[in-house]
Amino acid sequence: MKSLHTIAFVLLVIGGLNWLLVGLFQWDIGMIFGGQAAIISRVIYVLVGLSAIYIAASGKGSGAGQM
């Protein structure tokens, strides 16, 4: 499960950096893979979204209970 958490965390960071680029420069990383309509971009977006749900549901990213 630790490797699943690591993969989810990395995808979540990639998604966050993508939103930073969109906000600052109006440039989406998905454009590298053919834009938002391309299947590979859609798969990446879905994986990033599922990673966010996993991290939120697992509570491992919140620091809860680590005192």
Protein backbone atom coordinates (compact mmCIF):
# COMPACT_ATOMS: atom_id res chain seq x y z
CA MET A 1 0.00 0.00 0.00
CA LYS A 2 2.93 2.33 0.51
CA SER A 3 3.76 2.25 -3.21
CA LEU A 4 0.12 3.03 -4.06
CA HIS A 5 0.25 6.03 -1.71
CA THR A 6 3.52 7.20 -3.30
CA ILE A 7 2.11 6.94 -6.82
CA ALA A 8 -1.06 8.75 -5.79
CA PHE A 9 0.95 11.48 -4.10
CA VAL A 10 3.17 11.99 -7.17
CA LEU A 11 0.12 12.21 -9.44
CA LEU A 12 -1.47 14.68 -7.04
CA VAL A 13 1.64 16.88 -7.13
CA ILE A 14 1.67 16.72 -10.94
CA GLY A 15 -1.98 17.79 -10.97
CA GLY A 16 -1.25 20.66 -8.61
CA LEU A 17 1.65 21.85 -10.72
CA ASN A 18 -0.56 21.65 -13.80
CA TRP A 19 -3.11 23.95 -12.15
CA LEU A 20 -0.30 26.33 -11.20
CA LEU A 21 0.80 26.49 -14.84
CA VAL A 22 -2.79 27.04 -15.97
CA GLY A 23 -3.25 29.83 -13.44
CA LEU A 24 0.01 31.63 -14.12
CA PHE A 25 0.60 31.07 -17.82
CA GLN A 26 -2.70 29.69 -19.19
CA TRP A 27 -0.75 26.61 -20.30
CA ASP A 28 -1.99 23.08 -19.69
CA ILE A 29 0.39 20.12 -19.50
CA GLY A 30 -2.27 18.08 -21.30
CA MET A 31 -1.49 20.05 -24.47
CA ILE A 32 1.73 18.03 -24.75
CA PHE A 33 -0.37 14.90 -25.22
CA GLY A 34 -2.75 16.34 -27.78
CA GLY A 35 -5.04 18.54 -25.71
CA GLN A 36 -7.94 17.73 -23.43
CA ALA A 37 -9.76 15.68 -26.07
CA ALA A 38 -6.91 13.17 -26.47
CA ILE A 39 -7.45 9.84 -24.76
CA ILE A 40 -4.06 9.89 -23.00
CA SER A 41 -4.79 13.33 -21.51
CA ARG A 42 -8.19 12.17 -20.29
CA VAL A 43 -6.63 9.08 -18.70
CA ILE A 44 -4.04 11.24 -16.93
CA TYR A 45 -6.74 13.64 -15.69
CA VAL A 46 -8.79 10.72 -14.36
CA LEU A 47 -5.76 9.21 -12.61
CA VAL A 48 -4.93 12.56 -10.99
CA GLY A 49 -8.53 12.91 -9.81
CA LEU A 50 -8.62 9.37 -8.42
CA SER A 51 -5.31 10.05 -6.67
CA ALA A 52 -6.80 13.11 -4.98
CA ILE A 53 -9.76 11.05 -3.78
CA TYR A 54 -7.45 8.30 -2.52
CA ILE A 55 -5.20 10.70 -0.61
CA ALA A 56 -8.20 12.52 0.89
CA ALA A 57 -9.94 9.29 1.88
CA SER A 58 -6.85 7.63 3.33
CA GLY A 59 -6.05 10.62 5.53
CA LYS A 60 -2.33 10.00 5.07
CA GLY A 61 -1.74 13.35 3.43
CA SER A 62 -3.43 15.41 6.14
CA GLY A 63 -0.95 14.87 8.93
CA ALA A 64 -3.81 13.75 11.16
CA GLY A 65 -2.70 11.67 14.09
CA GLN A 66 0.99 12.34 13.58
CA MET A 67 1.56 14.25 16.78
